[in-house]
Amino acid sequence: MASKAPALILLFVNLVLYFIVIVIAAWAINHGIERSREAASVLSIPARIFPIYLPIGNMATGFFVILSLLAGVVGFTTSLTGLHNVVTWHLSDLHTAAFSSLASLSLTILALGLACKEFQGGWTGSNLRTLEVLTVIVSATQLFSTFAIQVGADDVSAQERARLGGRV
């Protein structure tokens, strides 16, 4: 029970952060779609093939924004269902929350890698910089919430073994 409160707090923080990531990434994709025809017309042929050329950032921006949106949607859903699973505090629910949290963490870490590539590219707009910073922050909070849920699952599993007298 010691890790239930931190897990709930971290999942709620993740829920809010992932929602903000979704909003900013969706804005960036919409901005890229609206301006891609005029911005990509001056590019060479390999760059013109990518359907969403974002006039903000560098050539990794399109991949970063799409992966951030995917990580945001999966992370938001994972955090929402994780809140329910942690509130029930049953072993099977905690294992489900831990696995889905790990899947969300892996997508977020992939987006973090592209955010680091964006950092290397130099100065970007404020909205894109906000998305990059939020990706770094949500990666850390997702890592801690995954750890807190796993610790909770281990505690409940140990309590179940003690209750059954080691017969499990």
N, C-alpha and C. Protein backbone atom coordinates (compact mmCIF):
# COMPACT_ATOMS: atom_id res chain seq x y z
N MET A 1 0.81 -1.20 0.00
CA MET A 1 0.00 0.00 0.00
C MET A 1 0.85 1.26 0.00
N ALA A 2 2.14 1.13 0.29
CA ALA A 2 3.00 2.30 0.39
C ALA A 2 3.19 2.98 -0.95
N SER A 3 3.11 2.26 -2.04
CA SER A 3 3.35 2.88 -3.35
C SER A 3 2.05 3.23 -4.07
N LYS A 4 0.91 3.06 -3.42
CA LYS A 4 -0.36 3.37 -4.07
C LYS A 4 -0.52 4.88 -4.28
N ALA A 5 -0.23 5.66 -3.26
CA ALA A 5 -0.39 7.12 -3.37
C ALA A 5 0.57 7.73 -4.39
N PRO A 6 1.86 7.38 -4.37
CA PRO A 6 2.74 7.94 -5.41
C PRO A 6 2.34 7.50 -6.81
N ALA A 7 1.89 6.27 -6.96
CA ALA A 7 1.46 5.80 -8.28
C ALA A 7 0.26 6.59 -8.77
N LEU A 8 -0.70 6.85 -7.88
CA LEU A 8 -1.87 7.63 -8.27
C LEU A 8 -1.50 9.06 -8.65
N ILE A 9 -0.62 9.67 -7.86
CA ILE A 9 -0.20 11.04 -8.16
C ILE A 9 0.54 11.10 -9.49
N LEU A 10 1.47 10.17 -9.70
CA LEU A 10 2.23 10.17 -10.95
C LEU A 10 1.34 9.88 -12.16
N LEU A 11 0.37 8.99 -12.00
CA LEU A 11 -0.54 8.70 -13.10
C LEU A 11 -1.40 9.91 -13.43
N PHE A 12 -1.83 10.65 -12.41
CA PHE A 12 -2.62 11.85 -12.68
C PHE A 12 -1.77 12.93 -13.36
N VAL A 13 -0.54 13.10 -12.90
CA VAL A 13 0.37 14.06 -13.54
C VAL A 13 0.61 13.65 -14.99
N ASN A 14 0.82 12.36 -15.23
CA ASN A 14 1.01 11.88 -16.60
C ASN A 14 -0.22 12.12 -17.46
N LEU A 15 -1.40 11.94 -16.88
CA LEU A 15 -2.63 12.17 -17.61
C LEU A 15 -2.69 13.61 -18.13
N VAL A 16 -2.35 14.55 -17.26
CA VAL A 16 -2.37 15.96 -17.65
C VAL A 16 -1.27 16.26 -18.67
N LEU A 17 -0.05 15.76 -18.42
CA LEU A 17 1.06 16.02 -19.33
C LEU A 17 0.83 15.42 -20.71
N TYR A 18 0.32 14.19 -20.75
CA TYR A 18 0.06 13.57 -22.04
C TYR A 18 -1.05 14.31 -22.80
N PHE A 19 -2.03 14.84 -22.09
CA PHE A 19 -3.08 15.62 -22.75
C PHE A 19 -2.48 16.86 -23.41
N ILE A 20 -1.58 17.53 -22.70
CA ILE A 20 -0.92 18.72 -23.26
C ILE A 20 -0.07 18.34 -24.47
N VAL A 21 0.62 17.20 -24.39
CA VAL A 21 1.41 16.71 -25.52
C VAL A 21 0.51 16.46 -26.72
N ILE A 22 -0.65 15.85 -26.50
CA ILE A 22 -1.59 15.59 -27.59
C ILE A 22 -2.03 16.89 -28.25
N VAL A 23 -2.36 17.88 -27.44
CA VAL A 23 -2.85 19.15 -27.98
C VAL A 23 -1.77 19.84 -28.82
N ILE A 24 -0.55 19.91 -28.30
CA ILE A 24 0.52 20.60 -29.03
C ILE A 24 0.91 19.83 -30.28
N ALA A 25 1.01 18.51 -30.19
CA ALA A 25 1.38 17.71 -31.36
C ALA A 25 0.28 17.77 -32.43
N ALA A 26 -0.97 17.76 -32.02
CA ALA A 26 -2.07 17.88 -32.98
C ALA A 26 -2.04 19.25 -33.66
N TRP A 27 -1.74 20.29 -32.89
CA TRP A 27 -1.61 21.62 -33.50
C TRP A 27 -0.48 21.63 -34.53
N ALA A 28 0.66 21.04 -34.17
CA ALA A 28 1.81 21.04 -35.07
C ALA A 28 1.52 20.27 -36.35
N ILE A 29 0.81 19.15 -36.24
CA ILE A 29 0.46 18.39 -37.44
C ILE A 29 -0.52 19.19 -38.30
N ASN A 30 -1.50 19.82 -37.67
CA ASN A 30 -2.43 20.66 -38.42
C ASN A 30 -1.71 21.81 -39.11
N HIS A 31 -0.80 22.43 -38.40
CA HIS A 31 0.00 23.53 -38.96
C HIS A 31 0.82 23.03 -40.14
N GLY A 32 1.40 21.85 -40.00
CA GLY A 32 2.20 21.29 -41.08
C GLY A 32 1.37 20.92 -42.29
N ILE A 33 0.18 20.41 -42.07
CA ILE A 33 -0.70 20.05 -43.20
C ILE A 33 -1.13 21.29 -43.95
N GLU A 34 -1.48 22.33 -43.20
CA GLU A 34 -1.93 23.56 -43.85
C GLU A 34 -0.83 24.25 -44.65
N ARG A 35 0.40 24.16 -44.20
CA ARG A 35 1.48 24.89 -44.85
C ARG A 35 2.43 23.99 -45.65
N SER A 36 2.14 22.68 -45.72
CA SER A 36 3.09 21.78 -46.37
C SER A 36 3.17 21.98 -47.88
N ARG A 37 2.09 22.31 -48.54
CA ARG A 37 2.12 22.46 -50.00
C ARG A 37 3.06 23.60 -50.41
N GLU A 38 2.94 24.72 -49.76
CA GLU A 38 3.79 25.85 -50.14
C GLU A 38 5.22 25.69 -49.63
N ALA A 39 5.39 25.10 -48.45
CA ALA A 39 6.73 24.97 -47.88
C ALA A 39 7.53 23.86 -48.55
N ALA A 40 6.88 22.77 -48.90
CA ALA A 40 7.59 21.62 -49.48
C ALA A 40 7.84 21.78 -50.97
N SER A 41 7.21 22.74 -51.60
CA SER A 41 7.38 22.88 -53.05
C SER A 41 8.80 23.30 -53.44
N VAL A 42 9.54 23.90 -52.52
CA VAL A 42 10.90 24.34 -52.82
C VAL A 42 11.94 23.29 -52.45
N LEU A 43 11.52 22.18 -51.87
CA LEU A 43 12.46 21.14 -51.44
C LEU A 43 12.83 20.22 -52.59
N SER A 44 13.93 19.50 -52.39
CA SER A 44 14.32 18.50 -53.38
C SER A 44 13.40 17.29 -53.28
N ILE A 45 13.50 16.37 -54.21
CA ILE A 45 12.54 15.27 -54.33
C ILE A 45 12.46 14.34 -53.12
N PRO A 46 13.53 13.95 -52.44
CA PRO A 46 13.32 13.04 -51.31
C PRO A 46 12.51 13.70 -50.19
N ALA A 47 12.72 14.97 -49.96
CA ALA A 47 12.00 15.66 -48.89
C ALA A 47 10.56 15.93 -49.27
N ARG A 48 10.27 16.08 -50.55
CA ARG A 48 8.91 16.35 -51.01
C ARG A 48 8.01 15.13 -50.89
N ILE A 49 8.58 13.95 -50.81
CA ILE A 49 7.79 12.72 -50.74
C ILE A 49 7.08 12.61 -49.40
N PHE A 50 7.72 13.06 -48.33
CA PHE A 50 7.08 12.98 -47.02
C PHE A 50 5.86 13.88 -47.01
N PRO A 51 4.68 13.35 -46.71
CA PRO A 51 3.45 14.13 -46.89
C PRO A 51 3.30 15.31 -45.94
N ILE A 52 3.93 15.28 -44.78
CA ILE A 52 3.81 16.39 -43.85
C ILE A 52 5.19 16.97 -43.64
N TYR A 53 5.47 18.05 -44.31
CA TYR A 53 6.71 18.77 -44.07
C TYR A 53 6.35 19.92 -43.15
N LEU A 54 6.96 19.95 -41.99
CA LEU A 54 6.65 21.01 -41.03
C LEU A 54 7.60 22.18 -41.25
N PRO A 55 7.06 23.35 -41.50
CA PRO A 55 7.93 24.50 -41.74
C PRO A 55 8.62 24.99 -40.46
N ILE A 56 8.32 24.37 -39.34
CA ILE A 56 9.01 24.68 -38.09
C ILE A 56 9.98 23.55 -37.80
N GLY A 57 11.12 23.84 -37.26
CA GLY A 57 12.07 22.81 -36.89
C GLY A 57 12.94 22.37 -38.05
N ASN A 58 13.39 21.10 -37.97
CA ASN A 58 14.27 20.55 -39.00
C ASN A 58 13.61 19.34 -39.64
N MET A 59 14.38 18.54 -40.35
CA MET A 59 13.79 17.41 -41.08
C MET A 59 13.31 16.29 -40.15
N ALA A 60 13.73 16.27 -38.92
CA ALA A 60 13.25 15.27 -37.97
C ALA A 60 11.94 15.69 -37.31
N THR A 61 11.50 16.90 -37.54
CA THR A 61 10.33 17.42 -36.85
C THR A 61 9.06 16.65 -37.18
N GLY A 62 8.87 16.30 -38.44
CA GLY A 62 7.67 15.55 -38.83
C GLY A 62 7.57 14.22 -38.11
N PHE A 63 8.68 13.50 -38.05
CA PHE A 63 8.69 12.22 -37.35
C PHE A 63 8.49 12.42 -35.85
N PHE A 64 9.13 13.44 -35.30
CA PHE A 64 9.01 13.72 -33.87
C PHE A 64 7.58 14.05 -33.49
N VAL A 65 6.92 14.88 -34.28
CA VAL A 65 5.56 15.31 -33.95
C VAL A 65 4.59 14.14 -34.06
N ILE A 66 4.73 13.34 -35.10
CA ILE A 66 3.82 12.20 -35.26
C ILE A 66 4.04 11.17 -34.15
N LEU A 67 5.28 10.88 -33.82
CA LEU A 67 5.56 9.93 -32.75
C LEU A 67 5.14 10.50 -31.39
N SER A 68 5.26 11.80 -31.20
CA SER A 68 4.80 12.42 -29.96
C SER A 68 3.29 12.32 -29.83
N LEU A 69 2.59 12.51 -30.94
CA LEU A 69 1.13 12.36 -30.91
C LEU A 69 0.73 10.93 -30.58
N LEU A 70 1.41 9.97 -31.19
CA LEU A 70 1.13 8.56 -30.90
C LEU A 70 1.44 8.23 -29.45
N ALA A 71 2.59 8.68 -28.95
CA ALA A 71 2.95 8.44 -27.56
C ALA A 71 1.99 9.15 -26.62
N GLY A 72 1.51 10.32 -27.01
CA GLY A 72 0.56 11.05 -26.18
C GLY A 72 -0.77 10.34 -26.07
N VAL A 73 -1.27 9.83 -27.18
CA VAL A 73 -2.56 9.12 -27.15
C VAL A 73 -2.45 7.83 -26.35
N VAL A 74 -1.39 7.07 -26.60
CA VAL A 74 -1.20 5.82 -25.85
C VAL A 74 -0.95 6.11 -24.37
N GLY A 75 -0.14 7.13 -24.07
CA GLY A 75 0.14 7.48 -22.69
C GLY A 75 -1.08 8.00 -21.95
N PHE A 76 -1.90 8.80 -22.63
CA PHE A 76 -3.13 9.30 -22.00
C PHE A 76 -4.06 8.15 -21.67
N THR A 77 -4.24 7.24 -22.63
CA THR A 77 -5.11 6.09 -22.40
C THR A 77 -4.56 5.18 -21.31
N THR A 78 -3.26 4.96 -21.33
CA THR A 78 -2.62 4.14 -20.31
C THR A 78 -2.77 4.76 -18.92
N SER A 79 -2.59 6.07 -18.84
CA SER A 79 -2.72 6.74 -17.54
C SER A 79 -4.15 6.68 -17.04
N LEU A 80 -5.11 6.85 -17.94
CA LEU A 80 -6.51 6.79 -17.55
C LEU A 80 -6.90 5.40 -17.05
N THR A 81 -6.53 4.38 -17.80
CA THR A 81 -6.84 3.02 -17.34
C THR A 81 -5.98 2.62 -16.14
N GLY A 82 -4.75 3.15 -16.09
CA GLY A 82 -3.87 2.87 -14.95
C GLY A 82 -4.43 3.43 -13.66
N LEU A 83 -5.06 4.60 -13.73
CA LEU A 83 -5.70 5.16 -12.54
C LEU A 83 -6.77 4.21 -12.00
N HIS A 84 -7.57 3.68 -12.90
CA HIS A 84 -8.60 2.72 -12.48
C HIS A 84 -7.97 1.46 -11.90
N ASN A 85 -6.94 0.95 -12.55
CA ASN A 85 -6.30 -0.28 -12.09
C ASN A 85 -5.62 -0.11 -10.75
N VAL A 86 -4.99 1.04 -10.52
CA VAL A 86 -4.31 1.27 -9.24
C VAL A 86 -5.32 1.50 -8.13
N VAL A 87 -6.44 2.13 -8.43
CA VAL A 87 -7.47 2.34 -7.40
C VAL A 87 -8.02 1.00 -6.93
N THR A 88 -8.22 0.04 -7.84
CA THR A 88 -8.73 -1.27 -7.42
C THR A 88 -7.70 -2.06 -6.61
N TRP A 89 -6.40 -1.90 -6.94
CA TRP A 89 -5.28 -2.49 -6.20
C TRP A 89 -5.37 -4.00 -6.06
N HIS A 90 -5.76 -4.67 -7.14
CA HIS A 90 -5.71 -6.13 -7.21
C HIS A 90 -4.48 -6.52 -8.03
N LEU A 91 -3.97 -7.70 -7.78
CA LEU A 91 -2.74 -8.14 -8.43
C LEU A 91 -2.86 -8.16 -9.95
N SER A 92 -3.96 -8.73 -10.46
CA SER A 92 -4.11 -8.80 -11.92
C SER A 92 -4.25 -7.40 -12.53
N ASP A 93 -4.94 -6.50 -11.85
CA ASP A 93 -5.07 -5.14 -12.35
C ASP A 93 -3.73 -4.41 -12.33
N LEU A 94 -2.94 -4.65 -11.30
CA LEU A 94 -1.63 -4.00 -11.21
C LEU A 94 -0.67 -4.53 -12.29
N HIS A 95 -0.75 -5.81 -12.59
CA HIS A 95 0.08 -6.34 -13.66
C HIS A 95 -0.33 -5.76 -15.02
N THR A 96 -1.64 -5.59 -15.21
CA THR A 96 -2.12 -4.95 -16.44
C THR A 96 -1.63 -3.52 -16.53
N ALA A 97 -1.72 -2.78 -15.43
CA ALA A 97 -1.26 -1.39 -15.41
C ALA A 97 0.25 -1.31 -15.63
N ALA A 98 0.99 -2.25 -15.05
CA ALA A 98 2.45 -2.22 -15.21
C ALA A 98 2.85 -2.50 -16.66
N PHE A 99 2.18 -3.45 -17.31
CA PHE A 99 2.52 -3.76 -18.69
C PHE A 99 2.15 -2.61 -19.62
N SER A 100 0.96 -2.05 -19.45
CA SER A 100 0.56 -0.96 -20.33
C SER A 100 1.42 0.28 -20.08
N SER A 101 1.83 0.47 -18.84
CA SER A 101 2.72 1.59 -18.51
C SER A 101 4.08 1.40 -19.16
N LEU A 102 4.54 0.17 -19.22
CA LEU A 102 5.82 -0.12 -19.88
C LEU A 102 5.72 0.11 -21.39
N ALA A 103 4.60 -0.25 -21.99
CA ALA A 103 4.40 0.00 -23.42
C ALA A 103 4.37 1.51 -23.70
N SER A 104 3.70 2.24 -22.84
CA SER A 104 3.65 3.69 -23.00
C SER A 104 5.03 4.32 -22.80
N LEU A 105 5.78 3.78 -21.85
CA LEU A 105 7.14 4.27 -21.61
C LEU A 105 8.02 4.06 -22.83
N SER A 106 7.88 2.92 -23.48
CA SER A 106 8.73 2.66 -24.66
C SER A 106 8.43 3.63 -25.79
N LEU A 107 7.16 3.94 -26.04
CA LEU A 107 6.82 4.91 -27.07
C LEU A 107 7.30 6.31 -26.70
N THR A 108 7.20 6.64 -25.42
CA THR A 108 7.63 7.96 -24.96
C THR A 108 9.14 8.09 -25.07
N ILE A 109 9.87 7.02 -24.79
CA ILE A 109 11.33 7.06 -24.93
C ILE A 109 11.73 7.22 -26.40
N LEU A 110 10.98 6.59 -27.30
CA LEU A 110 11.24 6.80 -28.73
C LEU A 110 11.03 8.26 -29.11
N ALA A 111 9.95 8.86 -28.62
CA ALA A 111 9.72 10.29 -28.89
C ALA A 111 10.80 11.14 -28.25
N LEU A 112 11.30 10.71 -27.09
CA LEU A 112 12.40 11.43 -26.42
C LEU A 112 13.65 11.42 -27.29
N GLY A 113 13.93 10.31 -27.93
CA GLY A 113 15.09 10.23 -28.81
C GLY A 113 14.99 11.22 -29.96
N LEU A 114 13.80 11.35 -30.54
CA LEU A 114 13.62 12.32 -31.61
C LEU A 114 13.63 13.74 -31.07
N ALA A 115 13.19 13.94 -29.83
CA ALA A 115 13.27 15.27 -29.22
C ALA A 115 14.73 15.67 -29.04
N CYS A 116 15.56 14.72 -28.68
CA CYS A 116 17.00 15.01 -28.57
C CYS A 116 17.58 15.37 -29.93
N LYS A 117 17.10 14.73 -30.98
CA LYS A 117 17.53 15.09 -32.33
C LYS A 117 17.08 16.51 -32.67
N GLU A 118 15.92 16.88 -32.20
CA GLU A 118 15.44 18.25 -32.40
C GLU A 118 16.32 19.25 -31.64
N PHE A 119 16.74 18.88 -30.43
CA PHE A 119 17.62 19.77 -29.66
C PHE A 119 18.91 20.03 -30.41
N GLN A 120 19.44 19.00 -31.07
CA GLN A 120 20.68 19.15 -31.83
C GLN A 120 20.50 20.08 -33.02
N GLY A 121 19.28 20.16 -33.53
CA GLY A 121 19.02 20.95 -34.72
C GLY A 121 19.10 22.44 -34.50
N GLY A 122 19.13 22.88 -33.28
CA GLY A 122 19.23 24.31 -33.01
C GLY A 122 17.90 24.90 -32.58
N TRP A 123 17.76 26.19 -32.80
CA TRP A 123 16.60 26.92 -32.34
C TRP A 123 15.35 26.51 -33.10
N THR A 124 14.24 26.32 -32.37
CA THR A 124 12.95 26.04 -32.98
C THR A 124 11.92 26.99 -32.37
N GLY A 125 10.72 26.95 -32.89
CA GLY A 125 9.65 27.80 -32.37
C GLY A 125 9.26 27.43 -30.96
N SER A 126 8.54 28.33 -30.32
CA SER A 126 8.19 28.12 -28.91
C SER A 126 7.26 26.93 -28.72
N ASN A 127 6.32 26.71 -29.64
CA ASN A 127 5.42 25.56 -29.49
C ASN A 127 6.16 24.25 -29.63
N LEU A 128 7.06 24.19 -30.58
CA LEU A 128 7.84 22.97 -30.76
C LEU A 128 8.80 22.76 -29.60
N ARG A 129 9.39 23.81 -29.10
CA ARG A 129 10.29 23.71 -27.94
C ARG A 129 9.51 23.23 -26.71
N THR A 130 8.28 23.72 -26.56
CA THR A 130 7.42 23.27 -25.46
C THR A 130 7.14 21.78 -25.57
N LEU A 131 6.86 21.31 -26.78
CA LEU A 131 6.62 19.89 -27.00
C LEU A 131 7.86 19.06 -26.68
N GLU A 132 9.02 19.56 -27.05
CA GLU A 132 10.27 18.85 -26.75
C GLU A 132 10.50 18.76 -25.25
N VAL A 133 10.31 19.86 -24.55
CA VAL A 133 10.53 19.86 -23.10
C VAL A 133 9.50 18.99 -22.40
N LEU A 134 8.24 19.06 -22.83
CA LEU A 134 7.22 18.20 -22.23
C LEU A 134 7.50 16.72 -22.48
N THR A 135 8.08 16.39 -23.62
CA THR A 135 8.44 15.01 -23.90
C THR A 135 9.52 14.52 -22.93
N VAL A 136 10.47 15.38 -22.63
CA VAL A 136 11.50 15.02 -21.66
C VAL A 136 10.90 14.83 -20.27
N ILE A 137 10.03 15.75 -19.87
CA ILE A 137 9.42 15.67 -18.54
C ILE A 137 8.51 14.45 -18.42
N VAL A 138 7.68 14.21 -19.43
CA VAL A 138 6.76 13.08 -19.36
C VAL A 138 7.50 11.75 -19.43
N SER A 139 8.67 11.73 -20.06
CA SER A 139 9.48 10.50 -20.07
C SER A 139 9.93 10.16 -18.65
N ALA A 140 10.34 11.17 -17.91
CA ALA A 140 10.78 10.94 -16.53
C ALA A 140 9.62 10.53 -15.64
N THR A 141 8.49 11.23 -15.73
CA THR A 141 7.37 10.88 -14.87
C THR A 141 6.78 9.53 -15.24
N GLN A 142 6.82 9.17 -16.52
CA GLN A 142 6.33 7.85 -16.92
C GLN A 142 7.25 6.76 -16.40
N LEU A 143 8.55 7.01 -16.39
CA LEU A 143 9.49 6.04 -15.84
C LEU A 143 9.22 5.82 -14.35
N PHE A 144 9.02 6.92 -13.61
CA PHE A 144 8.75 6.79 -12.18
C PHE A 144 7.41 6.13 -11.90
N SER A 145 6.39 6.43 -12.71
CA SER A 145 5.09 5.80 -12.47
C SER A 145 5.14 4.31 -12.81
N THR A 146 5.89 3.94 -13.85
CA THR A 146 6.06 2.52 -14.17
C THR A 146 6.74 1.80 -13.01
N PHE A 147 7.75 2.44 -12.45
CA PHE A 147 8.45 1.86 -11.31
C PHE A 147 7.52 1.75 -10.10
N ALA A 148 6.72 2.78 -9.81
CA ALA A 148 5.81 2.75 -8.66
C ALA A 148 4.74 1.68 -8.81
N ILE A 149 4.22 1.51 -10.02
CA ILE A 149 3.21 0.47 -10.25
C ILE A 149 3.83 -0.91 -10.09
N GLN A 150 5.05 -1.10 -10.58
CA GLN A 150 5.71 -2.40 -10.45
C GLN A 150 6.01 -2.72 -9.00
N VAL A 151 6.43 -1.72 -8.22
CA VAL A 151 6.68 -1.93 -6.79
C VAL A 151 5.38 -2.31 -6.10
N GLY A 152 4.29 -1.65 -6.46
CA GLY A 152 2.98 -1.99 -5.89
C GLY A 152 2.57 -3.41 -6.24
N ALA A 153 2.80 -3.82 -7.49
CA ALA A 153 2.46 -5.19 -7.89
C ALA A 153 3.31 -6.20 -7.13
N ASP A 154 4.57 -5.89 -6.90
CA ASP A 154 5.43 -6.78 -6.12
C ASP A 154 4.97 -6.87 -4.68
N ASP A 155 4.55 -5.74 -4.09
CA ASP A 155 4.04 -5.75 -2.71
C ASP A 155 2.78 -6.58 -2.58
N VAL A 156 1.85 -6.41 -3.50
CA VAL A 156 0.60 -7.18 -3.45
C VAL A 156 0.89 -8.65 -3.67
N SER A 157 1.82 -8.97 -4.55
CA SER A 157 2.19 -10.36 -4.79
C SER A 157 2.80 -10.99 -3.54
N ALA A 158 3.66 -10.24 -2.84
CA ALA A 158 4.25 -10.75 -1.60
C ALA A 158 3.19 -10.94 -0.52
N GLN A 159 2.23 -10.04 -0.44
CA GLN A 159 1.14 -10.18 0.53
C GLN A 159 0.29 -11.40 0.23
N GLU A 160 0.03 -11.66 -1.07
CA GLU A 160 -0.74 -12.82 -1.47
C GLU A 160 -0.01 -14.12 -1.12
N ARG A 161 1.31 -14.14 -1.33
CA ARG A 161 2.09 -15.33 -0.98
C ARG A 161 2.09 -15.55 0.53
N ALA A 162 2.21 -14.47 1.30
CA ALA A 162 2.21 -14.60 2.76
C ALA A 162 0.84 -15.06 3.26
N ARG A 163 -0.22 -14.55 2.63
CA ARG A 163 -1.57 -14.92 3.05
C ARG A 163 -1.84 -16.38 2.76
N LEU A 164 -1.33 -16.87 1.65
CA LEU A 164 -1.56 -18.27 1.29
C LEU A 164 -0.54 -19.21 1.90
N GLY A 165 0.38 -18.66 2.67
CA GLY A 165 1.36 -19.51 3.35
C GLY A 165 2.43 -20.05 2.44
N GLY A 166 2.77 -19.34 1.38
CA GLY A 166 3.84 -19.78 0.51
C GLY A 166 3.43 -20.86 -0.46
N ARG A 167 2.14 -21.14 -0.61
CA ARG A 167 1.68 -22.19 -1.52
C ARG A 167 1.60 -21.74 -2.97
N VAL A 168 1.90 -20.48 -3.24
CA VAL A 168 1.77 -19.96 -4.60
C VAL A 168 3.06 -20.15 -5.36
